[in-house]
Amino acid sequence: MQRHERRLLTKAAISVEGRISIKQSPDRAWPRDHARLRVLERAGRLQWVGTQAGPHIGGTFAIWQITEQGRARLDALAPEERP
């Protein structure tokens, strides 16, 4: 498992709702993790929830939720590989 995959899945897994979100920049571009999250979505490890306006003007967040397959992928890691 690549480091960014482990990092993003772990972040989703430890959240209360099992979700991870990223904020769109003011120029409407997405950070690099957006593409990484889309790859995890296509692999079935995350499920797309949608976009949501943030609590302040101009903030848009993309949201994914970890799937059972994503949790199983994290659980399969050897203890020394877990964050």
PDB file of N, CA and C in Angstrom:
ATOM      1  N   MET A   1       0.845  -1.167   0.000  1.00  0.00           N
ATOM      2  CA  MET A   1       0.000   0.000   0.000  1.00  0.00           C
ATOM      3  C   MET A   1       0.898   1.240   0.000  1.00  0.00           C
ATOM      4  N   GLN A   2       0.566   2.172  -0.844  1.00  0.00           N
ATOM      5  CA  GLN A   2       1.344   3.409  -0.902  1.00  0.00           C
ATOM      6  C   GLN A   2       1.040   4.277   0.314  1.00  0.00           C
ATOM      7  N   ARG A   3       2.000   5.118   0.670  1.00  0.00           N
ATOM      8  CA  ARG A   3       1.864   5.945   1.872  1.00  0.00           C
ATOM      9  C   ARG A   3       0.631   6.848   1.809  1.00  0.00           C
ATOM     10  N   HIS A   4       0.367   7.470   0.655  1.00  0.00           N
ATOM     11  CA  HIS A   4      -0.790   8.365   0.584  1.00  0.00           C
ATOM     12  C   HIS A   4      -2.102   7.582   0.701  1.00  0.00           C
ATOM     13  N   GLU A   5      -2.145   6.356   0.180  1.00  0.00           N
ATOM     14  CA  GLU A   5      -3.348   5.538   0.304  1.00  0.00           C
ATOM     15  C   GLU A   5      -3.602   5.218   1.783  1.00  0.00           C
ATOM     16  N   ARG A   6      -2.575   4.811   2.476  1.00  0.00           N
ATOM     17  CA  ARG A   6      -2.692   4.500   3.901  1.00  0.00           C
ATOM     18  C   ARG A   6      -3.112   5.751   4.690  1.00  0.00           C
ATOM     19  N   ARG A   7      -2.488   6.884   4.375  1.00  0.00           N
ATOM     20  CA  ARG A   7      -2.792   8.140   5.074  1.00  0.00           C
ATOM     21  C   ARG A   7      -4.251   8.550   4.883  1.00  0.00           C
ATOM     22  N   LEU A   8      -4.734   8.506   3.646  1.00  0.00           N
ATOM     23  CA  LEU A   8      -6.100   8.948   3.360  1.00  0.00           C
ATOM     24  C   LEU A   8      -7.139   7.979   3.926  1.00  0.00           C
ATOM     25  N   LEU A   9      -6.902   6.679   3.798  1.00  0.00           N
ATOM     26  CA  LEU A   9      -7.842   5.703   4.353  1.00  0.00           C
ATOM     27  C   LEU A   9      -7.878   5.784   5.875  1.00  0.00           C
ATOM     28  N   THR A  10      -6.715   5.973   6.488  1.00  0.00           N
ATOM     29  CA  THR A  10      -6.664   6.088   7.946  1.00  0.00           C
ATOM     30  C   THR A  10      -7.416   7.319   8.415  1.00  0.00           C
ATOM     31  N   LYS A  11      -7.245   8.425   7.707  1.00  0.00           N
ATOM     32  CA  LYS A  11      -7.940   9.663   8.079  1.00  0.00           C
ATOM     33  C   LYS A  11      -9.456   9.455   8.027  1.00  0.00           C
ATOM     34  N   ALA A  12      -9.928   8.770   7.003  1.00  0.00           N
ATOM     35  CA  ALA A  12     -11.369   8.498   6.901  1.00  0.00           C
ATOM     36  C   ALA A  12     -11.810   7.527   7.997  1.00  0.00           C
ATOM     37  N   ALA A  13     -11.015   6.500   8.243  1.00  0.00           N
ATOM     38  CA  ALA A  13     -11.399   5.465   9.202  1.00  0.00           C
ATOM     39  C   ALA A  13     -11.502   5.987  10.625  1.00  0.00           C
ATOM     40  N   ILE A  14     -10.674   6.933  10.995  1.00  0.00           N
ATOM     41  CA  ILE A  14     -10.693   7.405  12.387  1.00  0.00           C
ATOM     42  C   ILE A  14     -11.707   8.517  12.632  1.00  0.00           C
ATOM     43  N   SER A  15     -12.299   9.051  11.577  1.00  0.00           N
ATOM     44  CA  SER A  15     -13.306  10.097  11.784  1.00  0.00           C
ATOM     45  C   SER A  15     -14.598   9.473  12.308  1.00  0.00           C
ATOM     46  N   VAL A  16     -15.388  10.263  12.986  1.00  0.00           N
ATOM     47  CA  VAL A  16     -16.618   9.771  13.612  1.00  0.00           C
ATOM     48  C   VAL A  16     -17.563   9.150  12.577  1.00  0.00           C
ATOM     49  N   GLU A  17     -17.724   9.805  11.451  1.00  0.00           N
ATOM     50  CA  GLU A  17     -18.648   9.320  10.416  1.00  0.00           C
ATOM     51  C   GLU A  17     -17.970   8.457   9.362  1.00  0.00           C
ATOM     52  N   GLY A  18     -16.659   8.247   9.483  1.00  0.00           N
ATOM     53  CA  GLY A  18     -15.941   7.468   8.483  1.00  0.00           C
ATOM     54  C   GLY A  18     -15.750   8.228   7.182  1.00  0.00           C
ATOM     55  N   ARG A  19     -15.683   9.539   7.288  1.00  0.00           N
ATOM     56  CA  ARG A  19     -15.595  10.380   6.087  1.00  0.00           C
ATOM     57  C   ARG A  19     -14.301  11.166   6.034  1.00  0.00           C
ATOM     58  N   ILE A  20     -13.942  11.524   4.822  1.00  0.00           N
ATOM     59  CA  ILE A  20     -12.797  12.388   4.569  1.00  0.00           C
ATOM     60  C   ILE A  20     -13.244  13.452   3.577  1.00  0.00           C
ATOM     61  N   SER A  21     -12.786  14.675   3.773  1.00  0.00           N
ATOM     62  CA  SER A  21     -13.155  15.750   2.850  1.00  0.00           C
ATOM     63  C   SER A  21     -11.928  16.605   2.552  1.00  0.00           C
ATOM     64  N   ILE A  22     -11.961  17.233   1.389  1.00  0.00           N
ATOM     65  CA  ILE A  22     -10.911  18.174   1.012  1.00  0.00           C
ATOM     66  C   ILE A  22     -11.569  19.435   0.480  1.00  0.00           C
ATOM     67  N   LYS A  23     -10.883  20.542   0.676  1.00  0.00           N
ATOM     68  CA  LYS A  23     -11.430  21.841   0.287  1.00  0.00           C
ATOM     69  C   LYS A  23     -10.910  22.268  -1.085  1.00  0.00           C
ATOM     70  N   GLN A  24     -11.810  22.771  -1.871  1.00  0.00           N
ATOM     71  CA  GLN A  24     -11.464  23.323  -3.180  1.00  0.00           C
ATOM     72  C   GLN A  24     -10.815  24.683  -2.960  1.00  0.00           C
ATOM     73  N   SER A  25      -9.773  24.968  -3.707  1.00  0.00           N
ATOM     74  CA  SER A  25      -9.084  26.250  -3.554  1.00  0.00           C
ATOM     75  C   SER A  25      -9.924  27.375  -4.172  1.00  0.00           C
ATOM     76  N   PRO A  26      -9.635  28.618  -3.813  1.00  0.00           N
ATOM     77  CA  PRO A  26     -10.416  29.753  -4.332  1.00  0.00           C
ATOM     78  C   PRO A  26     -10.421  29.854  -5.862  1.00  0.00           C
ATOM     79  N   ASP A  27      -9.384  29.340  -6.514  1.00  0.00           N
ATOM     80  CA  ASP A  27      -9.360  29.377  -7.985  1.00  0.00           C
ATOM     81  C   ASP A  27     -10.088  28.177  -8.601  1.00  0.00           C
ATOM     82  N   ARG A  28     -10.833  27.441  -7.758  1.00  0.00           N
ATOM     83  CA  ARG A  28     -11.673  26.299  -8.142  1.00  0.00           C
ATOM     84  C   ARG A  28     -10.872  25.058  -8.516  1.00  0.00           C
ATOM     85  N   ALA A  29      -9.588  25.044  -8.222  1.00  0.00           N
ATOM     86  CA  ALA A  29      -8.766  23.850  -8.443  1.00  0.00           C
ATOM     87  C   ALA A  29      -8.847  22.969  -7.189  1.00  0.00           C
ATOM     88  N   TRP A  30      -8.630  21.689  -7.394  1.00  0.00           N
ATOM     89  CA  TRP A  30      -8.620  20.757  -6.271  1.00  0.00           C
ATOM     90  C   TRP A  30      -7.180  20.425  -5.903  1.00  0.00           C
ATOM     91  N   PRO A  31      -6.911  20.192  -4.621  1.00  0.00           N
ATOM     92  CA  PRO A  31      -5.560  19.780  -4.228  1.00  0.00           C
ATOM     93  C   PRO A  31      -5.229  18.397  -4.802  1.00  0.00           C
ATOM     94  N   ARG A  32      -3.968  18.042  -4.749  1.00  0.00           N
ATOM     95  CA  ARG A  32      -3.492  16.779  -5.317  1.00  0.00           C
ATOM     96  C   ARG A  32      -4.222  15.561  -4.735  1.00  0.00           C
ATOM     97  N   ASP A  33      -4.602  15.642  -3.462  1.00  0.00           N
ATOM     98  CA  ASP A  33      -5.293  14.506  -2.845  1.00  0.00           C
ATOM     99  C   ASP A  33      -6.639  14.202  -3.495  1.00  0.00           C
ATOM    100  N   HIS A  34      -7.224  15.152  -4.198  1.00  0.00           N
ATOM    101  CA  HIS A  34      -8.507  14.903  -4.871  1.00  0.00           C
ATOM    102  C   HIS A  34      -8.353  13.754  -5.866  1.00  0.00           C
ATOM    103  N   ALA A  35      -7.314  13.785  -6.669  1.00  0.00           N
ATOM    104  CA  ALA A  35      -7.081  12.711  -7.640  1.00  0.00           C
ATOM    105  C   ALA A  35      -6.807  11.391  -6.927  1.00  0.00           C
ATOM    106  N   ARG A  36      -6.076  11.438  -5.828  1.00  0.00           N
ATOM    107  CA  ARG A  36      -5.782  10.221  -5.066  1.00  0.00           C
ATOM    108  C   ARG A  36      -7.058   9.632  -4.468  1.00  0.00           C
ATOM    109  N   LEU A  37      -7.932  10.500  -3.980  1.00  0.00           N
ATOM    110  CA  LEU A  37      -9.196  10.027  -3.432  1.00  0.00           C
ATOM    111  C   LEU A  37     -10.080   9.427  -4.517  1.00  0.00           C
ATOM    112  N   ARG A  38     -10.046   9.981  -5.696  1.00  0.00           N
ATOM    113  CA  ARG A  38     -10.816   9.420  -6.826  1.00  0.00           C
ATOM    114  C   ARG A  38     -10.320   8.030  -7.195  1.00  0.00           C
ATOM    115  N   VAL A  39      -8.998   7.826  -7.127  1.00  0.00           N
ATOM    116  CA  VAL A  39      -8.434   6.497  -7.400  1.00  0.00           C
ATOM    117  C   VAL A  39      -8.933   5.501  -6.349  1.00  0.00           C
ATOM    118  N   LEU A  40      -8.927   5.908  -5.083  1.00  0.00           N
ATOM    119  CA  LEU A  40      -9.431   5.038  -4.021  1.00  0.00           C
ATOM    120  C   LEU A  40     -10.926   4.758  -4.197  1.00  0.00           C
ATOM    121  N   GLU A  41     -11.643   5.725  -4.713  1.00  0.00           N
ATOM    122  CA  GLU A  41     -13.068   5.527  -5.008  1.00  0.00           C
ATOM    123  C   GLU A  41     -13.248   4.476  -6.098  1.00  0.00           C
ATOM    124  N   ARG A  42     -12.490   4.603  -7.182  1.00  0.00           N
ATOM    125  CA  ARG A  42     -12.588   3.634  -8.280  1.00  0.00           C
ATOM    126  C   ARG A  42     -12.183   2.231  -7.835  1.00  0.00           C
ATOM    127  N   ALA A  43     -11.290   2.133  -6.852  1.00  0.00           N
ATOM    128  CA  ALA A  43     -10.853   0.839  -6.336  1.00  0.00           C
ATOM    129  C   ALA A  43     -11.856   0.252  -5.340  1.00  0.00           C
ATOM    130  N   GLY A  44     -12.891   1.017  -4.997  1.00  0.00           N
ATOM    131  CA  GLY A  44     -13.917   0.538  -4.083  1.00  0.00           C
ATOM    132  C   GLY A  44     -13.586   0.734  -2.612  1.00  0.00           C
ATOM    133  N   ARG A  45     -12.529   1.462  -2.324  1.00  0.00           N
ATOM    134  CA  ARG A  45     -12.126   1.670  -0.935  1.00  0.00           C
ATOM    135  C   ARG A  45     -12.811   2.875  -0.297  1.00  0.00           C
ATOM    136  N   LEU A  46     -13.284   3.788  -1.134  1.00  0.00           N
ATOM    137  CA  LEU A  46     -14.056   4.943  -0.688  1.00  0.00           C
ATOM    138  C   LEU A  46     -15.309   5.050  -1.539  1.00  0.00           C
ATOM    139  N   GLN A  47     -16.337   5.667  -0.983  1.00  0.00           N
ATOM    140  CA  GLN A  47     -17.565   5.930  -1.727  1.00  0.00           C
ATOM    141  C   GLN A  47     -17.791   7.432  -1.770  1.00  0.00           C
ATOM    142  N   TRP A  48     -18.087   7.938  -2.942  1.00  0.00           N
ATOM    143  CA  TRP A  48     -18.340   9.363  -3.139  1.00  0.00           C
ATOM    144  C   TRP A  48     -19.624   9.740  -2.412  1.00  0.00           C
ATOM    145  N   VAL A  49     -19.572  10.802  -1.617  1.00  0.00           N
ATOM    146  CA  VAL A  49     -20.749  11.315  -0.922  1.00  0.00           C
ATOM    147  C   VAL A  49     -21.287  12.531  -1.660  1.00  0.00           C
ATOM    148  N   GLY A  50     -20.391  13.422  -2.081  1.00  0.00           N
ATOM    149  CA  GLY A  50     -20.815  14.603  -2.826  1.00  0.00           C
ATOM    150  C   GLY A  50     -19.997  15.818  -2.434  1.00  0.00           C
ATOM    151  N   THR A  51     -20.463  16.981  -2.867  1.00  0.00           N
ATOM    152  CA  THR A  51     -19.807  18.231  -2.483  1.00  0.00           C
ATOM    153  C   THR A  51     -20.739  18.975  -1.534  1.00  0.00           C
ATOM    154  N   GLN A  52     -20.126  19.815  -0.719  1.00  0.00           N
ATOM    155  CA  GLN A  52     -20.891  20.559   0.268  1.00  0.00           C
ATOM    156  C   GLN A  52     -20.243  21.916   0.454  1.00  0.00           C
ATOM    157  N   ALA A  53     -21.076  22.931   0.579  1.00  0.00           N
ATOM    158  CA  ALA A  53     -20.565  24.266   0.871  1.00  0.00           C
ATOM    159  C   ALA A  53     -20.095  24.296   2.317  1.00  0.00           C
ATOM    160  N   GLY A  54     -18.979  24.959   2.527  1.00  0.00           N
ATOM    161  CA  GLY A  54     -18.436  25.074   3.871  1.00  0.00           C
ATOM    162  C   GLY A  54     -19.157  26.136   4.673  1.00  0.00           C
ATOM    163  N   PRO A  55     -18.738  26.319   5.908  1.00  0.00           N
ATOM    164  CA  PRO A  55     -19.404  27.276   6.775  1.00  0.00           C
ATOM    165  C   PRO A  55     -19.106  28.735   6.437  1.00  0.00           C
ATOM    166  N   HIS A  56     -18.233  28.965   5.492  1.00  0.00           N
ATOM    167  CA  HIS A  56     -17.897  30.335   5.118  1.00  0.00           C
ATOM    168  C   HIS A  56     -18.075  30.500   3.615  1.00  0.00           C
ATOM    169  N   ILE A  57     -18.210  31.708   3.166  1.00  0.00           N
ATOM    170  CA  ILE A  57     -18.461  31.996   1.748  1.00  0.00           C
ATOM    171  C   ILE A  57     -17.284  31.520   0.906  1.00  0.00           C
ATOM    172  N   GLY A  58     -17.598  30.838  -0.183  1.00  0.00           N
ATOM    173  CA  GLY A  58     -16.586  30.422  -1.133  1.00  0.00           C
ATOM    174  C   GLY A  58     -15.912  29.105  -0.839  1.00  0.00           C
ATOM    175  N   GLY A  59     -16.287  28.441   0.208  1.00  0.00           N
ATOM    176  CA  GLY A  59     -15.662  27.173   0.539  1.00  0.00           C
ATOM    177  C   GLY A  59     -16.496  25.999   0.069  1.00  0.00           C
ATOM    178  N   THR A  60     -15.919  25.151  -0.763  1.00  0.00           N
ATOM    179  CA  THR A  60     -16.589  23.942  -1.229  1.00  0.00           C
ATOM    180  C   THR A  60     -15.718  22.754  -0.870  1.00  0.00           C
ATOM    181  N   PHE A  61     -16.348  21.713  -0.336  1.00  0.00           N
ATOM    182  CA  PHE A  61     -15.635  20.517   0.079  1.00  0.00           C
ATOM    183  C   PHE A  61     -16.141  19.313  -0.694  1.00  0.00           C
ATOM    184  N   ALA A  62     -15.230  18.446  -1.118  1.00  0.00           N
ATOM    185  CA  ALA A  62     -15.573  17.160  -1.709  1.00  0.00           C
ATOM    186  C   ALA A  62     -15.476  16.133  -0.584  1.00  0.00           C
ATOM    187  N   ILE A  63     -16.463  15.231  -0.514  1.00  0.00           N
ATOM    188  CA  ILE A  63     -16.552  14.304   0.616  1.00  0.00           C
ATOM    189  C   ILE A  63     -16.665  12.862   0.121  1.00  0.00           C
ATOM    190  N   TRP A  64     -15.904  11.981   0.775  1.00  0.00           N
ATOM    191  CA  TRP A  64     -15.958  10.545   0.534  1.00  0.00           C
ATOM    192  C   TRP A  64     -16.149   9.835   1.863  1.00  0.00           C
ATOM    193  N   GLN A  65     -16.667   8.614   1.796  1.00  0.00           N
ATOM    194  CA  GLN A  65     -16.820   7.791   2.995  1.00  0.00           C
ATOM    195  C   GLN A  65     -16.102   6.471   2.760  1.00  0.00           C
ATOM    196  N   ILE A  66     -15.415   5.986   3.796  1.00  0.00           N
ATOM    197  CA  ILE A  66     -14.691   4.732   3.674  1.00  0.00           C
ATOM    198  C   ILE A  66     -15.689   3.580   3.563  1.00  0.00           C
ATOM    199  N   THR A  67     -15.356   2.596   2.754  1.00  0.00           N
ATOM    200  CA  THR A  67     -16.200   1.415   2.565  1.00  0.00           C
ATOM    201  C   THR A  67     -15.663   0.266   3.414  1.00  0.00           C
ATOM    202  N   GLU A  68     -16.419  -0.810   3.465  1.00  0.00           N
ATOM    203  CA  GLU A  68     -15.945  -2.008   4.172  1.00  0.00           C
ATOM    204  C   GLU A  68     -14.662  -2.535   3.527  1.00  0.00           C
ATOM    205  N   GLN A  69     -14.579  -2.430   2.211  1.00  0.00           N
ATOM    206  CA  GLN A  69     -13.362  -2.858   1.509  1.00  0.00           C
ATOM    207  C   GLN A  69     -12.168  -1.992   1.924  1.00  0.00           C
ATOM    208  N   GLY A  70     -12.390  -0.705   2.108  1.00  0.00           N
ATOM    209  CA  GLY A  70     -11.323   0.182   2.553  1.00  0.00           C
ATOM    210  C   GLY A  70     -10.876  -0.140   3.968  1.00  0.00           C
ATOM    211  N   ARG A  71     -11.835  -0.433   4.851  1.00  0.00           N
ATOM    212  CA  ARG A  71     -11.486  -0.818   6.227  1.00  0.00           C
ATOM    213  C   ARG A  71     -10.723  -2.140   6.242  1.00  0.00           C
ATOM    214  N   ALA A  72     -11.146  -3.077   5.407  1.00  0.00           N
ATOM    215  CA  ALA A  72     -10.458  -4.373   5.336  1.00  0.00           C
ATOM    216  C   ALA A  72      -9.026  -4.193   4.843  1.00  0.00           C
ATOM    217  N   ARG A  73      -8.840  -3.277   3.912  1.00  0.00           N
ATOM    218  CA  ARG A  73      -7.493  -2.993   3.395  1.00  0.00           C
ATOM    219  C   ARG A  73      -6.595  -2.484   4.520  1.00  0.00           C
ATOM    220  N   LEU A  74      -7.104  -1.609   5.366  1.00  0.00           N
ATOM    221  CA  LEU A  74      -6.329  -1.110   6.507  1.00  0.00           C
ATOM    222  C   LEU A  74      -6.080  -2.217   7.525  1.00  0.00           C
ATOM    223  N   ASP A  75      -7.094  -3.034   7.796  1.00  0.00           N
ATOM    224  CA  ASP A  75      -6.955  -4.111   8.776  1.00  0.00           C
ATOM    225  C   ASP A  75      -5.941  -5.160   8.338  1.00  0.00           C
ATOM    226  N   ALA A  76      -5.741  -5.284   7.026  1.00  0.00           N
ATOM    227  CA  ALA A  76      -4.809  -6.281   6.505  1.00  0.00           C
ATOM    228  C   ALA A  76      -3.354  -5.877   6.671  1.00  0.00           C
ATOM    229  N   LEU A  77      -3.112  -4.621   7.029  1.00  0.00           N
ATOM    230  CA  LEU A  77      -1.733  -4.164   7.206  1.00  0.00           C
ATOM    231  C   LEU A  77      -1.082  -4.836   8.409  1.00  0.00           C
ATOM    232  N   ALA A  78       0.163  -5.117   8.284  1.00  0.00           N
ATOM    233  CA  ALA A  78       0.915  -5.621   9.436  1.00  0.00           C
ATOM    234  C   ALA A  78       0.976  -4.516  10.481  1.00  0.00           C
ATOM    235  N   PRO A  79       1.007  -4.860  11.771  1.00  0.00           N
ATOM    236  CA  PRO A  79       1.018  -3.828  12.829  1.00  0.00           C
ATOM    237  C   PRO A  79       2.089  -2.764  12.646  1.00  0.00           C
ATOM    238  N   GLU A  80       3.258  -3.129  12.157  1.00  0.00           N
ATOM    239  CA  GLU A  80       4.328  -2.139  11.979  1.00  0.00           C
ATOM    240  C   GLU A  80       4.056  -1.182  10.833  1.00  0.00           C
ATOM    241  N   GLU A  81       3.119  -1.516   9.957  1.00  0.00           N
ATOM    242  CA  GLU A  81       2.769  -0.628   8.844  1.00  0.00           C
ATOM    243  C   GLU A  81       1.637   0.332   9.203  1.00  0.00           C
ATOM    244  N   ARG A  82       0.952   0.067  10.294  1.00  0.00           N
ATOM    245  CA  ARG A  82      -0.173   0.907  10.679  1.00  0.00           C
ATOM    246  C   ARG A  82       0.319   2.218  11.248  1.00  0.00           C
ATOM    247  N   PRO A  83      -0.404   3.286  10.946  1.00  0.00           N
ATOM    248  CA  PRO A  83      -0.010   4.589  11.478  1.00  0.00           C
ATOM    249  C   PRO A  83      -0.240   4.699  12.972  1.00  0.00           C
TER     250      PRO A  83
END
